[in-house]
Amino acid sequence: MSIISRTLRTGLAAAVLIIAAGTASAHEYKLGELHIGHPWARASVNVGGTAGAFLTVENNGSTPDRLVAVSTPVAEVAEIHESFEDKGVMRMRRVEGIEIPAGGEAKLAPGGYHIMLIKLKQAIMPGEKVPATLTFEKAGTIDVELAIEKPGAGADMGHDMKKMDHSAH
């Protein structure tokens, strides 16, 4: 085998690995016309405590849908919440669902809509993935994995969850 053909084979193998790694890290799901992008949660070592979970849902369809429920075996309760400012204090409250407009998207991100994992049954550590089930009003349910990120992840996206009023729990 010539040096050129070995070099080409090595280069091709490296390119395939790079493409495969990029696809694996994409961490995306599809349910009908809904595209769920990178579901993730902040790490927490506090068994019995809380953690925030986040994702993006794009609706490529012609009718709106709603995220209406979330469940996970790592928490006793998973609720959909929104963060808002009230007299200079960030607060959050439970909501019944999040609208995903036709041809639009809903972003669940720190400082806005998010999923609150309440009464964690175990520590969730960076690098782990934990199962969750998302339920949509029209599209149905889909099982996803929440990629666990470091505790302060996403703070640059808006508000630090540690500074929020969690008194509703």
N, C-alpha and C. Protein backbone atom coordinates (compact mmCIF):
# COMPACT_ATOMS: atom_id res chain seq x y z
N MET A 1 0.86 -1.17 0.00
CA MET A 1 0.00 0.00 0.00
C MET A 1 0.90 1.23 0.00
N SER A 2 0.60 2.19 -0.85
CA SER A 2 1.44 3.37 -0.96
C SER A 2 1.20 4.33 0.21
N ILE A 3 2.15 5.21 0.40
CA ILE A 3 2.05 6.22 1.45
C ILE A 3 0.82 7.10 1.22
N ILE A 4 0.54 7.43 -0.03
CA ILE A 4 -0.61 8.29 -0.35
C ILE A 4 -1.92 7.59 0.02
N SER A 5 -2.07 6.33 -0.32
CA SER A 5 -3.33 5.65 0.00
C SER A 5 -3.50 5.46 1.51
N ARG A 6 -2.40 5.20 2.24
CA ARG A 6 -2.49 5.11 3.70
C ARG A 6 -2.89 6.45 4.30
N THR A 7 -2.32 7.52 3.78
CA THR A 7 -2.65 8.86 4.27
C THR A 7 -4.12 9.18 4.01
N LEU A 8 -4.60 8.83 2.82
CA LEU A 8 -6.01 9.05 2.49
C LEU A 8 -6.93 8.24 3.40
N ARG A 9 -6.58 6.97 3.64
CA ARG A 9 -7.41 6.11 4.51
C ARG A 9 -7.41 6.66 5.93
N THR A 10 -6.25 7.08 6.43
CA THR A 10 -6.17 7.64 7.77
C THR A 10 -6.99 8.92 7.86
N GLY A 11 -6.87 9.77 6.85
CA GLY A 11 -7.64 11.02 6.84
C GLY A 11 -9.13 10.77 6.77
N LEU A 12 -9.54 9.81 5.96
CA LEU A 12 -10.95 9.47 5.84
C LEU A 12 -11.48 8.91 7.16
N ALA A 13 -10.71 8.05 7.80
CA ALA A 13 -11.12 7.48 9.09
C ALA A 13 -11.27 8.59 10.14
N ALA A 14 -10.35 9.53 10.15
CA ALA A 14 -10.43 10.65 11.10
C ALA A 14 -11.66 11.50 10.83
N ALA A 15 -11.95 11.75 9.56
CA ALA A 15 -13.13 12.55 9.21
C ALA A 15 -14.41 11.85 9.65
N VAL A 16 -14.50 10.54 9.46
CA VAL A 16 -15.68 9.79 9.89
C VAL A 16 -15.84 9.88 11.41
N LEU A 17 -14.76 9.75 12.15
CA LEU A 17 -14.83 9.86 13.61
C LEU A 17 -15.28 11.25 14.05
N ILE A 18 -14.77 12.28 13.40
CA ILE A 18 -15.17 13.66 13.74
C ILE A 18 -16.65 13.86 13.47
N ILE A 19 -17.13 13.40 12.33
CA ILE A 19 -18.55 13.54 12.00
C ILE A 19 -19.40 12.76 13.00
N ALA A 20 -18.99 11.54 13.33
CA ALA A 20 -19.75 10.73 14.28
C ALA A 20 -19.77 11.39 15.65
N ALA A 21 -18.66 11.95 16.08
CA ALA A 21 -18.61 12.62 17.38
C ALA A 21 -19.52 13.84 17.38
N GLY A 22 -19.54 14.59 16.29
CA GLY A 22 -20.42 15.75 16.21
C GLY A 22 -21.88 15.36 16.25
N THR A 23 -22.23 14.27 15.59
CA THR A 23 -23.60 13.78 15.60
C THR A 23 -23.98 13.29 16.99
N ALA A 24 -23.08 12.58 17.65
CA ALA A 24 -23.39 12.05 18.98
C ALA A 24 -23.58 13.16 19.99
N SER A 25 -22.83 14.25 19.87
CA SER A 25 -22.93 15.32 20.85
C SER A 25 -24.08 16.26 20.55
N ALA A 26 -24.74 16.08 19.41
CA ALA A 26 -25.84 16.96 19.05
C ALA A 26 -26.98 16.86 20.05
N HIS A 27 -27.27 15.64 20.55
CA HIS A 27 -28.23 15.46 21.63
C HIS A 27 -29.59 16.06 21.28
N GLU A 28 -30.17 15.54 20.22
CA GLU A 28 -31.44 16.06 19.73
C GLU A 28 -32.44 14.93 19.57
N TYR A 29 -33.73 15.30 19.61
CA TYR A 29 -34.81 14.32 19.49
C TYR A 29 -35.88 14.88 18.56
N LYS A 30 -36.65 13.98 17.96
CA LYS A 30 -37.73 14.40 17.07
C LYS A 30 -38.99 13.64 17.44
N LEU A 31 -40.11 14.36 17.54
CA LEU A 31 -41.42 13.78 17.81
C LEU A 31 -42.41 14.44 16.86
N GLY A 32 -42.75 13.73 15.79
CA GLY A 32 -43.63 14.33 14.78
C GLY A 32 -42.96 15.56 14.19
N GLU A 33 -43.65 16.69 14.26
CA GLU A 33 -43.11 17.95 13.74
C GLU A 33 -42.29 18.71 14.78
N LEU A 34 -42.13 18.15 15.99
CA LEU A 34 -41.37 18.81 17.05
C LEU A 34 -39.93 18.33 17.05
N HIS A 35 -39.02 19.28 17.22
CA HIS A 35 -37.59 19.00 17.32
C HIS A 35 -37.14 19.48 18.69
N ILE A 36 -36.65 18.56 19.53
CA ILE A 36 -36.21 18.90 20.89
C ILE A 36 -34.70 18.95 20.86
N GLY A 37 -34.15 20.12 21.19
CA GLY A 37 -32.72 20.32 21.15
C GLY A 37 -32.07 20.38 22.52
N HIS A 38 -31.02 19.65 22.69
CA HIS A 38 -30.14 19.58 23.85
C HIS A 38 -30.85 19.74 25.21
N PRO A 39 -31.64 18.75 25.62
CA PRO A 39 -32.18 18.80 26.98
C PRO A 39 -31.05 18.60 27.99
N TRP A 40 -30.99 19.48 29.00
CA TRP A 40 -29.93 19.39 29.99
C TRP A 40 -30.44 19.88 31.34
N ALA A 41 -29.71 19.54 32.37
CA ALA A 41 -30.05 19.98 33.73
C ALA A 41 -28.77 20.34 34.46
N ARG A 42 -28.93 21.18 35.45
CA ARG A 42 -27.78 21.53 36.30
C ARG A 42 -27.55 20.43 37.33
N ALA A 43 -26.29 20.17 37.59
CA ALA A 43 -25.91 19.17 38.58
C ALA A 43 -26.36 19.61 39.97
N SER A 44 -26.61 18.61 40.82
CA SER A 44 -26.94 18.87 42.22
C SER A 44 -26.54 17.66 43.05
N VAL A 45 -25.84 17.91 44.14
CA VAL A 45 -25.47 16.83 45.06
C VAL A 45 -26.48 16.74 46.19
N ASN A 46 -27.46 17.63 46.22
CA ASN A 46 -28.42 17.70 47.32
C ASN A 46 -29.60 16.74 47.11
N VAL A 47 -29.50 15.55 47.67
CA VAL A 47 -30.62 14.62 47.63
C VAL A 47 -31.75 15.29 48.41
N GLY A 48 -32.94 15.31 47.81
CA GLY A 48 -34.07 16.01 48.42
C GLY A 48 -34.18 17.45 47.96
N GLY A 49 -33.17 17.93 47.26
CA GLY A 49 -33.15 19.32 46.78
C GLY A 49 -33.78 19.46 45.40
N THR A 50 -33.38 20.53 44.71
CA THR A 50 -33.95 20.84 43.40
C THR A 50 -32.84 21.02 42.37
N ALA A 51 -33.25 20.97 41.11
CA ALA A 51 -32.35 21.29 40.00
C ALA A 51 -33.21 21.81 38.85
N GLY A 52 -32.65 22.70 38.06
CA GLY A 52 -33.34 23.22 36.88
C GLY A 52 -32.95 22.44 35.65
N ALA A 53 -33.92 22.23 34.75
CA ALA A 53 -33.66 21.55 33.48
C ALA A 53 -34.14 22.44 32.34
N PHE A 54 -33.47 22.34 31.19
CA PHE A 54 -33.67 23.28 30.10
C PHE A 54 -33.60 22.55 28.76
N LEU A 55 -34.20 23.15 27.72
CA LEU A 55 -34.18 22.60 26.37
C LEU A 55 -34.83 23.59 25.43
N THR A 56 -34.78 23.29 24.15
CA THR A 56 -35.46 24.09 23.14
C THR A 56 -36.37 23.16 22.35
N VAL A 57 -37.59 23.62 22.05
CA VAL A 57 -38.51 22.85 21.23
C VAL A 57 -38.88 23.70 20.01
N GLU A 58 -38.56 23.19 18.84
CA GLU A 58 -38.95 23.84 17.58
C GLU A 58 -40.16 23.11 17.04
N ASN A 59 -41.15 23.87 16.57
CA ASN A 59 -42.34 23.28 15.98
C ASN A 59 -42.31 23.56 14.48
N ASN A 60 -42.00 22.55 13.70
CA ASN A 60 -41.93 22.69 12.25
C ASN A 60 -43.28 22.45 11.58
N GLY A 61 -44.32 22.27 12.39
CA GLY A 61 -45.64 21.99 11.85
C GLY A 61 -46.47 23.25 11.63
N SER A 62 -47.71 23.03 11.18
CA SER A 62 -48.62 24.14 10.87
C SER A 62 -49.65 24.38 11.98
N THR A 63 -49.58 23.59 13.07
CA THR A 63 -50.47 23.82 14.21
C THR A 63 -49.65 23.93 15.48
N PRO A 64 -50.09 24.77 16.41
CA PRO A 64 -49.35 24.91 17.67
C PRO A 64 -49.47 23.65 18.53
N ASP A 65 -48.58 23.51 19.46
CA ASP A 65 -48.62 22.42 20.44
C ASP A 65 -48.23 23.01 21.78
N ARG A 66 -48.30 22.20 22.83
CA ARG A 66 -47.93 22.67 24.17
C ARG A 66 -47.18 21.57 24.91
N LEU A 67 -46.12 21.95 25.59
CA LEU A 67 -45.47 21.05 26.54
C LEU A 67 -46.31 21.12 27.80
N VAL A 68 -46.90 19.99 28.21
CA VAL A 68 -47.84 20.02 29.33
C VAL A 68 -47.36 19.24 30.56
N ALA A 69 -46.37 18.37 30.42
CA ALA A 69 -45.90 17.62 31.59
C ALA A 69 -44.50 17.09 31.34
N VAL A 70 -43.80 16.86 32.45
CA VAL A 70 -42.47 16.28 32.43
C VAL A 70 -42.38 15.32 33.62
N SER A 71 -41.69 14.21 33.43
CA SER A 71 -41.43 13.31 34.55
C SER A 71 -40.02 12.76 34.41
N THR A 72 -39.46 12.35 35.54
CA THR A 72 -38.14 11.74 35.56
C THR A 72 -38.03 10.87 36.81
N PRO A 73 -37.39 9.73 36.72
CA PRO A 73 -37.24 8.89 37.91
C PRO A 73 -36.25 9.46 38.93
N VAL A 74 -35.51 10.51 38.61
CA VAL A 74 -34.52 11.05 39.56
C VAL A 74 -35.12 12.09 40.51
N ALA A 75 -36.40 12.47 40.31
CA ALA A 75 -37.04 13.46 41.18
C ALA A 75 -38.46 13.01 41.50
N GLU A 76 -38.91 13.33 42.71
CA GLU A 76 -40.29 13.00 43.07
C GLU A 76 -41.27 13.77 42.20
N VAL A 77 -40.91 15.01 41.88
CA VAL A 77 -41.80 15.89 41.11
C VAL A 77 -40.98 16.61 40.05
N ALA A 78 -41.55 16.78 38.87
CA ALA A 78 -40.97 17.62 37.82
C ALA A 78 -42.09 18.55 37.36
N GLU A 79 -41.86 19.85 37.47
CA GLU A 79 -42.88 20.83 37.12
C GLU A 79 -42.32 21.81 36.09
N ILE A 80 -43.23 22.35 35.28
CA ILE A 80 -42.86 23.39 34.33
C ILE A 80 -43.04 24.73 35.04
N HIS A 81 -42.00 25.56 35.02
CA HIS A 81 -42.01 26.83 35.73
C HIS A 81 -41.65 27.97 34.79
N GLU A 82 -42.00 29.18 35.20
CA GLU A 82 -41.51 30.38 34.55
C GLU A 82 -40.89 31.27 35.60
N SER A 83 -39.81 31.94 35.23
CA SER A 83 -39.15 32.92 36.10
C SER A 83 -39.62 34.30 35.67
N PHE A 84 -39.77 35.18 36.64
CA PHE A 84 -40.19 36.54 36.35
C PHE A 84 -39.66 37.46 37.44
N GLU A 85 -39.57 38.74 37.11
CA GLU A 85 -39.10 39.73 38.08
C GLU A 85 -40.30 40.40 38.72
N ASP A 86 -40.27 40.51 40.05
CA ASP A 86 -41.33 41.15 40.81
C ASP A 86 -40.70 42.09 41.82
N LYS A 87 -40.82 43.39 41.57
CA LYS A 87 -40.27 44.42 42.46
C LYS A 87 -38.78 44.21 42.71
N GLY A 88 -38.06 43.91 41.63
CA GLY A 88 -36.61 43.76 41.73
C GLY A 88 -36.14 42.41 42.21
N VAL A 89 -37.05 41.48 42.47
CA VAL A 89 -36.68 40.14 42.94
C VAL A 89 -37.12 39.12 41.90
N MET A 90 -36.19 38.24 41.52
CA MET A 90 -36.55 37.18 40.60
C MET A 90 -37.34 36.12 41.36
N ARG A 91 -38.47 35.73 40.80
CA ARG A 91 -39.32 34.71 41.39
C ARG A 91 -39.66 33.69 40.31
N MET A 92 -40.24 32.58 40.74
CA MET A 92 -40.71 31.60 39.77
C MET A 92 -42.04 31.05 40.23
N ARG A 93 -42.79 30.56 39.26
CA ARG A 93 -44.08 29.94 39.55
C ARG A 93 -44.33 28.81 38.56
N ARG A 94 -45.13 27.86 39.03
CA ARG A 94 -45.52 26.72 38.19
C ARG A 94 -46.50 27.21 37.12
N VAL A 95 -46.38 26.67 35.92
CA VAL A 95 -47.32 26.95 34.83
C VAL A 95 -47.89 25.62 34.33
N GLU A 96 -49.06 25.68 33.74
CA GLU A 96 -49.73 24.47 33.26
C GLU A 96 -49.14 23.94 31.96
N GLY A 97 -48.41 24.76 31.25
CA GLY A 97 -47.81 24.32 30.00
C GLY A 97 -47.12 25.47 29.31
N ILE A 98 -46.40 25.13 28.26
CA ILE A 98 -45.69 26.13 27.47
C ILE A 98 -46.11 25.96 26.02
N GLU A 99 -46.59 27.02 25.42
CA GLU A 99 -47.02 27.03 24.03
C GLU A 99 -45.80 26.95 23.10
N ILE A 100 -45.92 26.08 22.10
CA ILE A 100 -44.92 26.02 21.04
C ILE A 100 -45.67 26.39 19.76
N PRO A 101 -45.51 27.65 19.31
CA PRO A 101 -46.30 28.11 18.16
C PRO A 101 -45.94 27.36 16.87
N ALA A 102 -46.92 27.26 15.99
CA ALA A 102 -46.68 26.66 14.68
C ALA A 102 -45.57 27.44 13.99
N GLY A 103 -44.58 26.73 13.47
CA GLY A 103 -43.47 27.37 12.79
C GLY A 103 -42.55 28.16 13.72
N GLY A 104 -42.71 27.98 15.03
CA GLY A 104 -41.91 28.74 16.01
C GLY A 104 -41.21 27.82 16.98
N GLU A 105 -40.78 28.39 18.09
CA GLU A 105 -40.07 27.60 19.08
C GLU A 105 -40.35 28.11 20.48
N ALA A 106 -40.05 27.27 21.45
CA ALA A 106 -40.10 27.62 22.86
C ALA A 106 -38.74 27.28 23.44
N LYS A 107 -38.13 28.26 24.12
CA LYS A 107 -36.83 28.03 24.74
C LYS A 107 -37.03 27.96 26.25
N LEU A 108 -36.59 26.86 26.82
CA LEU A 108 -36.56 26.72 28.26
C LEU A 108 -35.10 26.96 28.64
N ALA A 109 -34.85 28.09 29.31
CA ALA A 109 -33.47 28.51 29.59
C ALA A 109 -33.42 29.18 30.95
N PRO A 110 -32.24 29.22 31.57
CA PRO A 110 -32.12 29.92 32.85
C PRO A 110 -32.67 31.35 32.76
N GLY A 111 -33.46 31.72 33.75
CA GLY A 111 -34.05 33.05 33.79
C GLY A 111 -35.37 33.16 33.08
N GLY A 112 -35.88 32.07 32.51
CA GLY A 112 -37.15 32.09 31.79
C GLY A 112 -37.94 30.84 32.12
N TYR A 113 -38.61 30.30 31.13
CA TYR A 113 -39.29 29.02 31.33
C TYR A 113 -38.24 27.95 31.58
N HIS A 114 -38.58 26.99 32.43
CA HIS A 114 -37.67 25.89 32.74
C HIS A 114 -38.45 24.74 33.38
N ILE A 115 -37.78 23.63 33.56
CA ILE A 115 -38.35 22.49 34.25
C ILE A 115 -37.68 22.44 35.62
N MET A 116 -38.48 22.35 36.66
CA MET A 116 -37.94 22.27 38.01
C MET A 116 -38.03 20.83 38.48
N LEU A 117 -36.89 20.25 38.78
CA LEU A 117 -36.82 18.90 39.33
C LEU A 117 -36.82 19.07 40.85
N ILE A 118 -37.85 18.55 41.51
CA ILE A 118 -38.07 18.81 42.94
C ILE A 118 -37.97 17.51 43.73
N LYS A 119 -37.33 17.60 44.89
CA LYS A 119 -37.09 16.45 45.76
C LYS A 119 -36.31 15.38 45.02
N LEU A 120 -35.09 15.75 44.64
CA LEU A 120 -34.21 14.81 43.95
C LEU A 120 -34.02 13.55 44.78
N LYS A 121 -34.10 12.40 44.13
CA LYS A 121 -33.93 11.11 44.80
C LYS A 121 -32.47 10.69 44.86
N GLN A 122 -31.63 11.39 44.10
CA GLN A 122 -30.20 11.06 44.03
C GLN A 122 -29.44 12.30 43.59
N ALA A 123 -28.15 12.28 43.83
CA ALA A 123 -27.29 13.33 43.30
C ALA A 123 -27.22 13.15 41.78
N ILE A 124 -27.16 14.26 41.06
CA ILE A 124 -26.96 14.21 39.62
C ILE A 124 -25.69 15.00 39.32
N MET A 125 -24.75 14.34 38.69
CA MET A 125 -23.39 14.87 38.56
C MET A 125 -23.05 15.22 37.11
N PRO A 126 -22.18 16.25 36.93
CA PRO A 126 -21.76 16.62 35.57
C PRO A 126 -21.24 15.42 34.80
N GLY A 127 -21.63 15.35 33.53
CA GLY A 127 -21.20 14.26 32.68
C GLY A 127 -22.20 13.11 32.62
N GLU A 128 -23.09 13.02 33.60
CA GLU A 128 -24.12 11.98 33.59
C GLU A 128 -25.24 12.37 32.63
N LYS A 129 -26.06 11.39 32.30
CA LYS A 129 -27.32 11.63 31.57
C LYS A 129 -28.40 10.92 32.36
N VAL A 130 -29.52 11.61 32.55
CA VAL A 130 -30.63 11.01 33.29
C VAL A 130 -31.88 11.02 32.41
N PRO A 131 -32.72 9.99 32.54
CA PRO A 131 -33.91 9.91 31.69
C PRO A 131 -34.99 10.89 32.12
N ALA A 132 -35.76 11.33 31.15
CA ALA A 132 -36.94 12.16 31.41
C ALA A 132 -37.94 11.89 30.30
N THR A 133 -39.22 12.11 30.60
CA THR A 133 -40.27 11.96 29.62
C THR A 133 -40.98 13.30 29.47
N LEU A 134 -41.07 13.78 28.24
CA LEU A 134 -41.77 15.03 27.94
C LEU A 134 -43.13 14.66 27.35
N THR A 135 -44.19 15.36 27.80
CA THR A 135 -45.52 15.11 27.27
C THR A 135 -46.04 16.38 26.62
N PHE A 136 -46.43 16.24 25.35
CA PHE A 136 -46.98 17.35 24.58
C PHE A 136 -48.47 17.11 24.38
N GLU A 137 -49.23 18.18 24.36
CA GLU A 137 -50.68 18.10 24.23
C GLU A 137 -51.11 17.35 22.97
N LYS A 138 -50.49 17.61 21.84
CA LYS A 138 -50.89 16.99 20.57
C LYS A 138 -49.93 15.90 20.12
N ALA A 139 -48.65 16.14 20.22
CA ALA A 139 -47.66 15.20 19.68
C ALA A 139 -47.49 13.95 20.53
N GLY A 140 -47.89 14.01 21.81
CA GLY A 140 -47.75 12.84 22.68
C GLY A 140 -46.50 12.91 23.55
N THR A 141 -45.91 11.75 23.83
CA THR A 141 -44.77 11.70 24.74
C THR A 141 -43.51 11.24 24.02
N ILE A 142 -42.39 11.65 24.60
CA ILE A 142 -41.09 11.22 24.10
C ILE A 142 -40.13 11.10 25.27
N ASP A 143 -39.33 10.04 25.25
CA ASP A 143 -38.28 9.84 26.25
C ASP A 143 -37.01 10.51 25.76
N VAL A 144 -36.40 11.30 26.64
CA VAL A 144 -35.15 11.99 26.33
C VAL A 144 -34.16 11.73 27.46
N GLU A 145 -32.94 12.15 27.25
CA GLU A 145 -31.93 12.13 28.31
C GLU A 145 -31.51 13.55 28.59
N LEU A 146 -31.49 13.91 29.87
CA LEU A 146 -30.99 15.21 30.28
C LEU A 146 -29.49 15.09 30.51
N ALA A 147 -28.71 15.84 29.76
CA ALA A 147 -27.26 15.87 29.96
C ALA A 147 -27.00 16.74 31.19
N ILE A 148 -26.29 16.22 32.17
CA ILE A 148 -26.06 16.96 33.40
C ILE A 148 -24.81 17.82 33.24
N GLU A 149 -25.01 19.13 33.44
CA GLU A 149 -23.94 20.12 33.32
C GLU A 149 -23.54 20.60 34.72
N LYS A 150 -22.46 21.37 34.82
CA LYS A 150 -21.99 21.86 36.11
C LYS A 150 -23.06 22.74 36.78
N PRO A 151 -23.02 22.89 38.12
CA PRO A 151 -24.07 23.61 38.84
C PRO A 151 -24.37 25.02 38.32
N GLY A 152 -23.40 25.80 37.93
CA GLY A 152 -23.66 27.17 37.48
C GLY A 152 -23.90 27.31 35.99
N ALA A 153 -24.02 26.21 35.28
CA ALA A 153 -24.17 26.25 33.82
C ALA A 153 -25.35 27.12 33.42
N GLY A 154 -25.13 27.91 32.37
CA GLY A 154 -26.21 28.73 31.84
C GLY A 154 -26.41 30.06 32.54
N ALA A 155 -25.63 30.36 33.58
CA ALA A 155 -25.80 31.62 34.30
C ALA A 155 -25.57 32.82 33.39
N ASP A 156 -24.75 32.63 32.36
CA ASP A 156 -24.49 33.71 31.42
C ASP A 156 -25.68 33.96 30.49
N MET A 157 -26.72 33.13 30.59
CA MET A 157 -27.89 33.27 29.73
C MET A 157 -28.96 34.17 30.34
N GLY A 158 -28.73 34.71 31.49
CA GLY A 158 -29.77 35.54 32.08
C GLY A 158 -29.56 35.70 33.56
N HIS A 159 -30.26 34.90 34.33
CA HIS A 159 -30.26 35.06 35.78
C HIS A 159 -29.69 33.83 36.45
N ASP A 160 -29.05 34.04 37.58
CA ASP A 160 -28.51 32.95 38.36
C ASP A 160 -29.63 32.37 39.21
N MET A 161 -29.94 31.09 39.03
CA MET A 161 -31.04 30.46 39.75
C MET A 161 -30.84 30.52 41.26
N LYS A 162 -29.60 30.59 41.75
CA LYS A 162 -29.35 30.64 43.18
C LYS A 162 -29.89 31.93 43.79
N LYS A 163 -30.02 32.98 42.99
CA LYS A 163 -30.48 34.27 43.50
C LYS A 163 -32.00 34.43 43.38
N MET A 164 -32.67 33.36 42.98
CA MET A 164 -34.11 33.44 42.79
C MET A 164 -34.85 33.09 44.07
N ASP A 165 -36.05 33.59 44.19
CA ASP A 165 -36.93 33.26 45.31
C ASP A 165 -37.61 31.95 45.01
N HIS A 166 -37.26 30.90 45.76
CA HIS A 166 -37.83 29.57 45.57
C HIS A 166 -38.88 29.28 46.63
N SER A 167 -39.44 30.31 47.27
CA SER A 167 -40.34 30.11 48.40
C SER A 167 -41.62 29.35 48.07
N ALA A 168 -41.95 29.25 46.79
CA ALA A 168 -43.16 28.53 46.40
C ALA A 168 -43.03 27.03 46.59
N HIS A 169 -41.84 26.51 46.89
CA HIS A 169 -41.63 25.06 47.03
C HIS A 169 -41.77 24.65 48.46
